[in-house]
Protein backbone atom coordinates (compact mmCIF):
# COMPACT_ATOMS: atom_id res chain seq x y z
CA MET A 1 42.08 -12.48 1.39
CA PRO A 2 39.32 -12.92 4.04
CA GLN A 3 35.69 -13.12 2.90
CA GLY A 4 33.12 -11.13 4.90
CA PRO A 5 29.45 -12.00 5.27
CA LEU A 6 27.26 -11.24 2.27
CA PHE A 7 24.61 -8.58 2.73
CA VAL A 8 21.20 -9.57 1.37
CA SER A 9 18.13 -7.32 1.35
CA GLU A 10 14.73 -7.43 -0.28
CA SER A 11 14.19 -5.67 -3.58
CA LYS A 12 13.26 -2.01 -3.28
CA ALA A 13 10.00 -2.70 -5.12
CA GLN A 14 8.84 -5.49 -2.81
CA GLY A 15 7.72 -5.70 0.78
CA ILE A 16 8.09 -8.60 3.17
CA SER A 17 4.37 -8.65 4.05
CA THR A 18 1.18 -8.41 1.99
CA LYS A 19 -2.47 -7.53 2.41
CA LEU A 20 -4.51 -9.09 -0.39
CA ASN A 21 -8.01 -8.47 -1.77
CA ILE A 22 -8.65 -4.99 -0.40
CA ALA A 23 -12.03 -4.28 -1.97
CA ALA A 24 -13.87 -0.99 -2.39
CA ALA A 25 -16.97 -2.52 -0.80
CA ALA A 26 -15.05 -3.00 2.47
CA GLY A 27 -14.30 0.71 2.80
CA ALA A 28 -11.00 1.74 4.40
CA THR A 29 -8.81 -1.23 5.39
CA LEU A 30 -6.14 -1.25 8.09
CA VAL A 31 -3.04 -2.81 6.52
CA LYS A 32 -0.64 -2.15 9.41
CA GLY A 33 -1.43 -0.52 12.75
CA SER A 34 2.14 0.52 13.54
CA PRO A 35 4.96 2.36 11.72
CA GLY A 36 6.04 0.74 8.47
CA ARG A 37 6.79 1.30 4.81
CA VAL A 38 4.23 0.90 2.03
CA MET A 39 6.13 -0.60 -0.89
CA GLN A 40 3.71 -1.16 -3.77
CA LEU A 41 0.08 -1.45 -4.84
CA THR A 42 -1.19 -3.92 -7.42
CA VAL A 43 -4.57 -3.36 -9.07
CA ASN A 44 -6.32 -6.76 -9.33
CA THR A 45 -9.68 -5.44 -10.54
CA ALA A 46 -9.90 -2.23 -12.56
CA SER A 47 -10.77 0.90 -10.61
CA THR A 48 -13.20 3.67 -11.50
CA GLY A 49 -12.38 5.69 -8.39
CA ALA A 50 -9.21 6.80 -6.64
CA ILE A 51 -7.18 4.34 -4.58
CA THR A 52 -5.87 6.12 -1.48
CA VAL A 53 -3.10 5.25 0.98
CA TYR A 54 -2.99 6.97 4.38
CA ASP A 55 -0.31 7.22 7.08
CA SER A 56 -2.60 6.25 9.97
CA ALA A 57 -2.65 3.63 12.73
CA THR A 58 -6.46 3.35 12.57
CA VAL A 59 -9.21 3.47 9.94
CA ALA A 60 -10.89 6.28 11.91
CA GLY A 61 -7.68 8.34 11.71
CA ALA A 62 -7.45 8.21 7.90
CA ALA A 63 -7.95 11.78 6.71
CA THR A 64 -6.97 14.20 3.96
CA ALA A 65 -4.14 15.51 6.17
CA ASN A 66 -2.32 12.14 6.17
CA ILE A 67 -2.69 10.97 2.55
CA VAL A 68 0.50 9.33 1.28
CA TYR A 69 -0.78 8.49 -2.22
CA GLN A 70 -3.95 9.01 -4.23
CA SER A 71 -4.27 7.40 -7.65
CA PRO A 72 -5.92 8.80 -10.74
CA ALA A 73 -9.66 8.08 -10.91
CA VAL A 74 -9.19 5.20 -13.37
CA MET A 75 -6.59 2.46 -12.83
CA ALA A 76 -6.30 -0.48 -15.25
CA LEU A 77 -6.15 -4.12 -14.22
CA GLY A 78 -2.54 -5.17 -13.59
CA THR A 79 -1.24 -1.68 -12.80
CA ILE A 80 1.61 -1.76 -10.28
CA VAL A 81 2.42 1.41 -8.37
CA VAL A 82 5.80 1.46 -6.61
CA LEU A 83 5.66 3.76 -3.58
CA ASP A 84 8.50 2.79 -1.20
CA PHE A 85 7.23 5.40 1.27
CA PRO A 86 7.65 5.46 5.06
CA CYS A 87 4.52 5.68 7.19
CA LEU A 88 5.20 6.91 10.72
CA SER A 89 1.85 5.85 12.25
CA GLY A 90 0.54 2.91 10.19
CA ILE A 91 -0.93 2.06 6.78
CA VAL A 92 -4.60 2.34 5.78
CA VAL A 93 -5.81 1.77 2.20
CA THR A 94 -9.11 2.64 0.54
CA ALA A 95 -9.73 0.91 -2.79
CA GLY A 96 -11.35 2.85 -5.63
CA THR A 97 -14.93 2.16 -6.72
CA GLY A 98 -15.27 -1.37 -8.07
CA SER A 99 -11.62 -2.20 -7.51
CA VAL A 100 -9.67 -4.84 -5.64
CA VAL A 101 -6.04 -4.11 -4.75
CA ALA A 102 -3.11 -5.82 -3.06
CA VAL A 103 -0.49 -4.01 -0.99
CA SER A 104 3.04 -5.06 -0.09
CA TYR A 105 4.68 -3.43 2.91
CA ASN A 106 7.36 -3.72 5.56
């Protein structure tokens, strides 16, 4: 019986690229300026304000109309949010007050 090639793909909960140390003090951060898929957020420093992900190719374009995800006002250290959501323009993230987050994406 012939053996075909094995298909290997990344886990649904992981991306192939990361943007680390997105801090609230930096304001909105451009993660990817072209279409992609936001896979997950990891809270590295507890948040006392909402963490927001936008489908936008620029920081200036991030607006209420293109919010992909907005967290609760308080997010504990170590929280992992699996999104696996397509973004047609790009990915912009705003960290909540006092927080530092990491994002994985494709």
